[in-house]
Amino acid sequence: MDNLFLQTMKLYAKGFCCSQIIVMLAMEAEGKKNPDLVRSLGGLCFGVNWSGEVCGALSGGACLISLYSGKGSEGETQDNRCTTMIGDLVEWFTLAAHEEYGGTRCHEILEKYPDRSMCGLIVSETYKKCMDILADHGLQPACHNR
């Protein structure tokens, strides 16, 4: 087990969900805290408001990429690579999730792993992929250790 996985599991033990954890990992690596952002990501928990739809690792990963490349204020513009990077994440996640986890939806994954034993691995692997995608497109978040 690597440190990222252990850190992920500690956040699960504190009651955070996949979509929150994936962004918290990046923020914590940069020494930042943003409870408002983390709270807002709670709306994506368990497939968006406990609906079992899209996996929180994927939706949280899209938010993570957007955190570093999206529009955040009136004076900013979204990086023109943002949608491409999120598309890269969706493509990777879709292939990996169908092969390894039974689907891209929270309820599909939990049908195969009802004890949520795969969730920590999915989140840590998705986090790593997000960091790789950002780096591959020339964005180097301070938290990225490639």
Foldseek 3Di string as FASTA:
>chain_A
DDPQLVQLVVVVVVPAALLLSLQVLLQVLVVHDDVVVSVVLSCPHCNGNVPQFFHSLLVSLLVNLCVQFNDDDPPDHGHPCSVVLNVVLVVVQQVCCVVPQQGRTSVRNCVVVVVCPCSSVSNSVSSLSSQVSCVVVPHHRPSDDD
